[in-house]
Amino acid sequence: MKKQKIFIGTNWKMTKNLKEGREYVQQLLEVKKALTSKLELFIIPSFPHLTTIKQDLEGSGVKLGAQTMHCLKN
């Protein structure tokens, strides 16, 4: 029987600024070291932080996602 991956992730919406997001990534990367390879981690940060968070995740194996909208009016 093929092992199935378990996906665990966070969608930040607009709840973290860049500093908080980068701190979260560093903490997650530390926790990831102790996790089984059966777990697949992902982060969906706020749109303005995608490029920086992508760089922070480089080579970590943590997946990066994006959301397309938010209900907050401009």
PDB file of N, CA and C in Angstrom:
ATOM      1  N   MET A   1       0.840  -1.190   0.000  1.00  0.00           N
ATOM      2  CA  MET A   1       0.000   0.000   0.000  1.00  0.00           C
ATOM      3  C   MET A   1       0.886   1.256   0.000  1.00  0.00           C
ATOM      4  N   LYS A   2       0.572   2.173  -0.868  1.00  0.00           N
ATOM      5  CA  LYS A   2       1.348   3.413  -0.985  1.00  0.00           C
ATOM      6  C   LYS A   2       1.074   4.325   0.212  1.00  0.00           C
ATOM      7  N   LYS A   3       2.142   4.866   0.785  1.00  0.00           N
ATOM      8  CA  LYS A   3       1.980   5.811   1.893  1.00  0.00           C
ATOM      9  C   LYS A   3       1.408   7.124   1.379  1.00  0.00           C
ATOM     10  N   GLN A   4       0.392   7.604   2.039  1.00  0.00           N
ATOM     11  CA  GLN A   4      -0.185   8.884   1.661  1.00  0.00           C
ATOM     12  C   GLN A   4       0.414   9.992   2.516  1.00  0.00           C
ATOM     13  N   LYS A   5       0.609  11.135   1.899  1.00  0.00           N
ATOM     14  CA  LYS A   5       1.120  12.307   2.614  1.00  0.00           C
ATOM     15  C   LYS A   5      -0.009  12.962   3.398  1.00  0.00           C
ATOM     16  N   ILE A   6       0.335  13.556   4.489  1.00  0.00           N
ATOM     17  CA  ILE A   6      -0.592  14.353   5.288  1.00  0.00           C
ATOM     18  C   ILE A   6      -0.147  15.798   5.144  1.00  0.00           C
ATOM     19  N   PHE A   7      -1.041  16.654   4.680  1.00  0.00           N
ATOM     20  CA  PHE A   7      -0.721  18.063   4.464  1.00  0.00           C
ATOM     21  C   PHE A   7      -1.154  18.882   5.677  1.00  0.00           C
ATOM     22  N   ILE A   8      -0.237  19.686   6.189  1.00  0.00           N
ATOM     23  CA  ILE A   8      -0.509  20.589   7.306  1.00  0.00           C
ATOM     24  C   ILE A   8       0.010  21.961   6.910  1.00  0.00           C
ATOM     25  N   GLY A   9      -0.853  22.954   7.051  1.00  0.00           N
ATOM     26  CA  GLY A   9      -0.416  24.279   6.635  1.00  0.00           C
ATOM     27  C   GLY A   9      -1.175  25.399   7.295  1.00  0.00           C
ATOM     28  N   THR A  10      -0.765  26.601   6.949  1.00  0.00           N
ATOM     29  CA  THR A  10      -1.394  27.801   7.482  1.00  0.00           C
ATOM     30  C   THR A  10      -1.704  28.773   6.352  1.00  0.00           C
ATOM     31  N   ASN A  11      -2.809  29.451   6.490  1.00  0.00           N
ATOM     32  CA  ASN A  11      -3.185  30.520   5.580  1.00  0.00           C
ATOM     33  C   ASN A  11      -3.266  31.780   6.433  1.00  0.00           C
ATOM     34  N   TRP A  12      -2.361  32.693   6.218  1.00  0.00           N
ATOM     35  CA  TRP A  12      -2.242  33.854   7.098  1.00  0.00           C
ATOM     36  C   TRP A  12      -3.261  34.941   6.836  1.00  0.00           C
ATOM     37  N   LYS A  13      -3.935  34.878   5.687  1.00  0.00           N
ATOM     38  CA  LYS A  13      -4.810  35.987   5.302  1.00  0.00           C
ATOM     39  C   LYS A  13      -4.002  37.274   5.457  1.00  0.00           C
ATOM     40  N   MET A  14      -4.461  38.173   6.299  1.00  0.00           N
ATOM     41  CA  MET A  14      -3.714  39.423   6.512  1.00  0.00           C
ATOM     42  C   MET A  14      -3.361  39.561   7.999  1.00  0.00           C
ATOM     43  N   THR A  15      -3.032  38.437   8.647  1.00  0.00           N
ATOM     44  CA  THR A  15      -2.820  38.451  10.090  1.00  0.00           C
ATOM     45  C   THR A  15      -1.369  38.622  10.514  1.00  0.00           C
ATOM     46  N   LYS A  16      -0.418  38.467   9.611  1.00  0.00           N
ATOM     47  CA  LYS A  16       0.993  38.609   9.979  1.00  0.00           C
ATOM     48  C   LYS A  16       1.655  39.669   9.100  1.00  0.00           C
ATOM     49  N   ASN A  17       2.436  40.531   9.753  1.00  0.00           N
ATOM     50  CA  ASN A  17       3.250  41.444   8.953  1.00  0.00           C
ATOM     51  C   ASN A  17       4.503  40.672   8.522  1.00  0.00           C
ATOM     52  N   LEU A  18       5.367  41.286   7.755  1.00  0.00           N
ATOM     53  CA  LEU A  18       6.531  40.576   7.225  1.00  0.00           C
ATOM     54  C   LEU A  18       7.449  40.071   8.334  1.00  0.00           C
ATOM     55  N   LYS A  19       7.709  40.885   9.326  1.00  0.00           N
ATOM     56  CA  LYS A  19       8.588  40.465  10.434  1.00  0.00           C
ATOM     57  C   LYS A  19       8.011  39.243  11.147  1.00  0.00           C
ATOM     58  N   GLU A  20       6.725  39.274  11.448  1.00  0.00           N
ATOM     59  CA  GLU A  20       6.074  38.146  12.119  1.00  0.00           C
ATOM     60  C   GLU A  20       6.098  36.896  11.230  1.00  0.00           C
ATOM     61  N   GLY A  21       5.881  37.086   9.942  1.00  0.00           N
ATOM     62  CA  GLY A  21       5.901  35.968   9.010  1.00  0.00           C
ATOM     63  C   GLY A  21       7.260  35.308   8.921  1.00  0.00           C
ATOM     64  N   ARG A  22       8.288  36.108   8.855  1.00  0.00           N
ATOM     65  CA  ARG A  22       9.642  35.553   8.762  1.00  0.00           C
ATOM     66  C   ARG A  22      10.028  34.829  10.056  1.00  0.00           C
ATOM     67  N   GLU A  23       9.601  35.360  11.192  1.00  0.00           N
ATOM     68  CA  GLU A  23       9.851  34.680  12.474  1.00  0.00           C
ATOM     69  C   GLU A  23       9.114  33.342  12.513  1.00  0.00           C
ATOM     70  N   TYR A  24       7.891  33.330  12.008  1.00  0.00           N
ATOM     71  CA  TYR A  24       7.106  32.095  11.957  1.00  0.00           C
ATOM     72  C   TYR A  24       7.812  31.051  11.090  1.00  0.00           C
ATOM     73  N   VAL A  25       8.309  31.464   9.936  1.00  0.00           N
ATOM     74  CA  VAL A  25       9.009  30.541   9.037  1.00  0.00           C
ATOM     75  C   VAL A  25      10.208  29.929   9.755  1.00  0.00           C
ATOM     76  N   GLN A  26      10.991  30.715  10.450  1.00  0.00           N
ATOM     77  CA  GLN A  26      12.163  30.182  11.149  1.00  0.00           C
ATOM     78  C   GLN A  26      11.758  29.172  12.218  1.00  0.00           C
ATOM     79  N   GLN A  27      10.695  29.459  12.945  1.00  0.00           N
ATOM     80  CA  GLN A  27      10.206  28.512  13.961  1.00  0.00           C
ATOM     81  C   GLN A  27       9.703  27.233  13.303  1.00  0.00           C
ATOM     82  N   LEU A  28       8.983  27.365  12.195  1.00  0.00           N
ATOM     83  CA  LEU A  28       8.458  26.200  11.488  1.00  0.00           C
ATOM     84  C   LEU A  28       9.584  25.323  10.969  1.00  0.00           C
ATOM     85  N   LEU A  29      10.628  25.929  10.448  1.00  0.00           N
ATOM     86  CA  LEU A  29      11.753  25.147   9.929  1.00  0.00           C
ATOM     87  C   LEU A  29      12.444  24.366  11.045  1.00  0.00           C
ATOM     88  N   GLU A  30      12.487  24.920  12.238  1.00  0.00           N
ATOM     89  CA  GLU A  30      13.049  24.187  13.387  1.00  0.00           C
ATOM     90  C   GLU A  30      12.160  23.002  13.754  1.00  0.00           C
ATOM     91  N   VAL A  31      10.858  23.219  13.808  1.00  0.00           N
ATOM     92  CA  VAL A  31       9.908  22.151  14.139  1.00  0.00           C
ATOM     93  C   VAL A  31       9.943  21.055  13.080  1.00  0.00           C
ATOM     94  N   LYS A  32      10.083  21.441  11.819  1.00  0.00           N
ATOM     95  CA  LYS A  32      10.078  20.492  10.708  1.00  0.00           C
ATOM     96  C   LYS A  32      11.161  19.424  10.857  1.00  0.00           C
ATOM     97  N   LYS A  33      12.260  19.775  11.463  1.00  0.00           N
ATOM     98  CA  LYS A  33      13.372  18.831  11.635  1.00  0.00           C
ATOM     99  C   LYS A  33      12.955  17.601  12.438  1.00  0.00           C
ATOM    100  N   ALA A  34      11.979  17.765  13.329  1.00  0.00           N
ATOM    101  CA  ALA A  34      11.552  16.669  14.194  1.00  0.00           C
ATOM    102  C   ALA A  34      10.343  15.909  13.650  1.00  0.00           C
ATOM    103  N   LEU A  35       9.818  16.307  12.500  1.00  0.00           N
ATOM    104  CA  LEU A  35       8.611  15.697  11.959  1.00  0.00           C
ATOM    105  C   LEU A  35       8.924  14.532  11.034  1.00  0.00           C
ATOM    106  N   THR A  36       7.986  13.647  10.895  1.00  0.00           N
ATOM    107  CA  THR A  36       8.104  12.523   9.977  1.00  0.00           C
ATOM    108  C   THR A  36       8.032  13.011   8.531  1.00  0.00           C
ATOM    109  N   SER A  37       8.636  12.273   7.647  1.00  0.00           N
ATOM    110  CA  SER A  37       8.613  12.645   6.225  1.00  0.00           C
ATOM    111  C   SER A  37       7.229  12.433   5.618  1.00  0.00           C
ATOM    112  N   LYS A  38       6.326  11.816   6.352  1.00  0.00           N
ATOM    113  CA  LYS A  38       4.957  11.607   5.878  1.00  0.00           C
ATOM    114  C   LYS A  38       4.170  12.921   5.869  1.00  0.00           C
ATOM    115  N   LEU A  39       4.651  13.898   6.617  1.00  0.00           N
ATOM    116  CA  LEU A  39       3.971  15.189   6.695  1.00  0.00           C
ATOM    117  C   LEU A  39       4.505  16.138   5.636  1.00  0.00           C
ATOM    118  N   GLU A  40       3.609  16.807   4.956  1.00  0.00           N
ATOM    119  CA  GLU A  40       3.945  17.804   3.944  1.00  0.00           C
ATOM    120  C   GLU A  40       3.458  19.159   4.460  1.00  0.00           C
ATOM    121  N   LEU A  41       4.371  20.088   4.680  1.00  0.00           N
ATOM    122  CA  LEU A  41       4.014  21.392   5.243  1.00  0.00           C
ATOM    123  C   LEU A  41       3.860  22.437   4.151  1.00  0.00           C
ATOM    124  N   PHE A  42       2.942  23.376   4.384  1.00  0.00           N
ATOM    125  CA  PHE A  42       2.782  24.484   3.445  1.00  0.00           C
ATOM    126  C   PHE A  42       2.407  25.758   4.185  1.00  0.00           C
ATOM    127  N   ILE A  43       2.699  26.887   3.546  1.00  0.00           N
ATOM    128  CA  ILE A  43       2.374  28.216   4.063  1.00  0.00           C
ATOM    129  C   ILE A  43       1.715  29.003   2.943  1.00  0.00           C
ATOM    130  N   ILE A  44       0.648  29.720   3.289  1.00  0.00           N
ATOM    131  CA  ILE A  44       0.004  30.638   2.344  1.00  0.00           C
ATOM    132  C   ILE A  44       0.039  32.019   2.998  1.00  0.00           C
ATOM    133  N   PRO A  45       1.107  32.774   2.747  1.00  0.00           N
ATOM    134  CA  PRO A  45       1.254  34.087   3.389  1.00  0.00           C
ATOM    135  C   PRO A  45       0.418  35.167   2.703  1.00  0.00           C
ATOM    136  N   SER A  46       0.385  36.314   3.314  1.00  0.00           N
ATOM    137  CA  SER A  46      -0.251  37.475   2.692  1.00  0.00           C
ATOM    138  C   SER A  46       0.480  37.797   1.388  1.00  0.00           C
ATOM    139  N   PHE A  47      -0.260  38.236   0.388  1.00  0.00           N
ATOM    140  CA  PHE A  47       0.299  38.472  -0.943  1.00  0.00           C
ATOM    141  C   PHE A  47       1.559  39.346  -0.946  1.00  0.00           C
ATOM    142  N   PRO A  48       1.588  40.462  -0.206  1.00  0.00           N
ATOM    143  CA  PRO A  48       2.783  41.320  -0.274  1.00  0.00           C
ATOM    144  C   PRO A  48       4.066  40.638   0.210  1.00  0.00           C
ATOM    145  N   HIS A  49       3.929  39.519   0.928  1.00  0.00           N
ATOM    146  CA  HIS A  49       5.104  38.861   1.509  1.00  0.00           C
ATOM    147  C   HIS A  49       5.551  37.624   0.741  1.00  0.00           C
ATOM    148  N   LEU A  50       4.886  37.296  -0.357  1.00  0.00           N
ATOM    149  CA  LEU A  50       5.195  36.059  -1.084  1.00  0.00           C
ATOM    150  C   LEU A  50       6.662  35.939  -1.493  1.00  0.00           C
ATOM    151  N   THR A  51       7.223  36.961  -2.080  1.00  0.00           N
ATOM    152  CA  THR A  51       8.601  36.878  -2.585  1.00  0.00           C
ATOM    153  C   THR A  51       9.600  36.642  -1.460  1.00  0.00           C
ATOM    154  N   THR A  52       9.471  37.385  -0.377  1.00  0.00           N
ATOM    155  CA  THR A  52      10.414  37.234   0.741  1.00  0.00           C
ATOM    156  C   THR A  52      10.272  35.876   1.407  1.00  0.00           C
ATOM    157  N   ILE A  53       9.026  35.452   1.651  1.00  0.00           N
ATOM    158  CA  ILE A  53       8.804  34.157   2.296  1.00  0.00           C
ATOM    159  C   ILE A  53       9.290  33.027   1.389  1.00  0.00           C
ATOM    160  N   LYS A  54       9.107  33.165   0.088  1.00  0.00           N
ATOM    161  CA  LYS A  54       9.616  32.168  -0.853  1.00  0.00           C
ATOM    162  C   LYS A  54      11.129  32.021  -0.696  1.00  0.00           C
ATOM    163  N   GLN A  55      11.825  33.132  -0.591  1.00  0.00           N
ATOM    164  CA  GLN A  55      13.280  33.102  -0.406  1.00  0.00           C
ATOM    165  C   GLN A  55      13.641  32.438   0.923  1.00  0.00           C
ATOM    166  N   ASP A  56      12.870  32.737   1.973  1.00  0.00           N
ATOM    167  CA  ASP A  56      13.144  32.146   3.285  1.00  0.00           C
ATOM    168  C   ASP A  56      12.925  30.629   3.294  1.00  0.00           C
ATOM    169  N   LEU A  57      12.020  30.135   2.451  1.00  0.00           N
ATOM    170  CA  LEU A  57      11.704  28.704   2.399  1.00  0.00           C
ATOM    171  C   LEU A  57      12.593  27.929   1.428  1.00  0.00           C
ATOM    172  N   GLU A  58      13.393  28.623   0.649  1.00  0.00           N
ATOM    173  CA  GLU A  58      14.230  28.011  -0.385  1.00  0.00           C
ATOM    174  C   GLU A  58      14.973  26.779   0.148  1.00  0.00           C
ATOM    175  N   GLY A  59      14.746  25.639  -0.514  1.00  0.00           N
ATOM    176  CA  GLY A  59      15.449  24.404  -0.165  1.00  0.00           C
ATOM    177  C   GLY A  59      14.939  23.699   1.076  1.00  0.00           C
ATOM    178  N   SER A  60      13.887  24.211   1.712  1.00  0.00           N
ATOM    179  CA  SER A  60      13.401  23.636   2.967  1.00  0.00           C
ATOM    180  C   SER A  60      12.429  22.483   2.772  1.00  0.00           C
ATOM    181  N   GLY A  61      11.821  22.406   1.593  1.00  0.00           N
ATOM    182  CA  GLY A  61      10.803  21.389   1.379  1.00  0.00           C
ATOM    183  C   GLY A  61       9.407  21.832   1.803  1.00  0.00           C
ATOM    184  N   VAL A  62       9.300  22.987   2.455  1.00  0.00           N
ATOM    185  CA  VAL A  62       7.996  23.537   2.833  1.00  0.00           C
ATOM    186  C   VAL A  62       7.404  24.186   1.583  1.00  0.00           C
ATOM    187  N   LYS A  63       6.170  23.836   1.274  1.00  0.00           N
ATOM    188  CA  LYS A  63       5.500  24.355   0.079  1.00  0.00           C
ATOM    189  C   LYS A  63       4.986  25.772   0.326  1.00  0.00           C
ATOM    190  N   LEU A  64       4.874  26.539  -0.750  1.00  0.00           N
ATOM    191  CA  LEU A  64       4.373  27.912  -0.686  1.00  0.00           C
ATOM    192  C   LEU A  64       3.140  28.023  -1.564  1.00  0.00           C
ATOM    193  N   GLY A  65       2.104  28.639  -1.038  1.00  0.00           N
ATOM    194  CA  GLY A  65       0.887  28.853  -1.805  1.00  0.00           C
ATOM    195  C   GLY A  65       0.525  30.324  -1.805  1.00  0.00           C
ATOM    196  N   ALA A  66      -0.493  30.660  -2.587  1.00  0.00           N
ATOM    197  CA  ALA A  66      -0.946  32.050  -2.664  1.00  0.00           C
ATOM    198  C   ALA A  66      -2.463  32.070  -2.699  1.00  0.00           C
ATOM    199  N   GLN A  67      -3.020  33.128  -2.163  1.00  0.00           N
ATOM    200  CA  GLN A  67      -4.463  33.319  -2.247  1.00  0.00           C
ATOM    201  C   GLN A  67      -4.738  34.454  -3.225  1.00  0.00           C
ATOM    202  N   THR A  68      -5.923  34.476  -3.753  1.00  0.00           N
ATOM    203  CA  THR A  68      -6.205  35.425  -4.820  1.00  0.00           C
ATOM    204  C   THR A  68      -7.046  36.619  -4.400  1.00  0.00           C
ATOM    205  N   MET A  69      -7.640  36.573  -3.200  1.00  0.00           N
ATOM    206  CA  MET A  69      -8.481  37.705  -2.842  1.00  0.00           C
ATOM    207  C   MET A  69      -8.726  37.766  -1.344  1.00  0.00           C
ATOM    208  N   HIS A  70      -9.248  38.901  -0.907  1.00  0.00           N
ATOM    209  CA  HIS A  70      -9.625  39.118   0.482  1.00  0.00           C
ATOM    210  C   HIS A  70     -10.827  40.035   0.478  1.00  0.00           C
ATOM    211  N   CYS A  71     -11.668  39.902   1.463  1.00  0.00           N
ATOM    212  CA  CYS A  71     -12.922  40.659   1.465  1.00  0.00           C
ATOM    213  C   CYS A  71     -12.750  42.112   1.917  1.00  0.00           C
ATOM    214  N   LEU A  72     -11.564  42.506   2.349  1.00  0.00           N
ATOM    215  CA  LEU A  72     -11.323  43.866   2.807  1.00  0.00           C
ATOM    216  C   LEU A  72     -11.414  44.836   1.622  1.00  0.00           C
ATOM    217  N   LYS A  73     -12.250  45.878   1.759  1.00  0.00           N
ATOM    218  CA  LYS A  73     -12.381  46.863   0.682  1.00  0.00           C
ATOM    219  C   LYS A  73     -11.211  47.839   0.722  1.00  0.00           C
ATOM    220  N   ASN A  74     -10.734  48.222  -0.452  1.00  0.00           N
ATOM    221  CA  ASN A  74      -9.622  49.180  -0.545  1.00  0.00           C
ATOM    222  C   ASN A  74     -10.138  50.588  -0.550  1.00  0.00           C
TER     223      ASN A  74
END
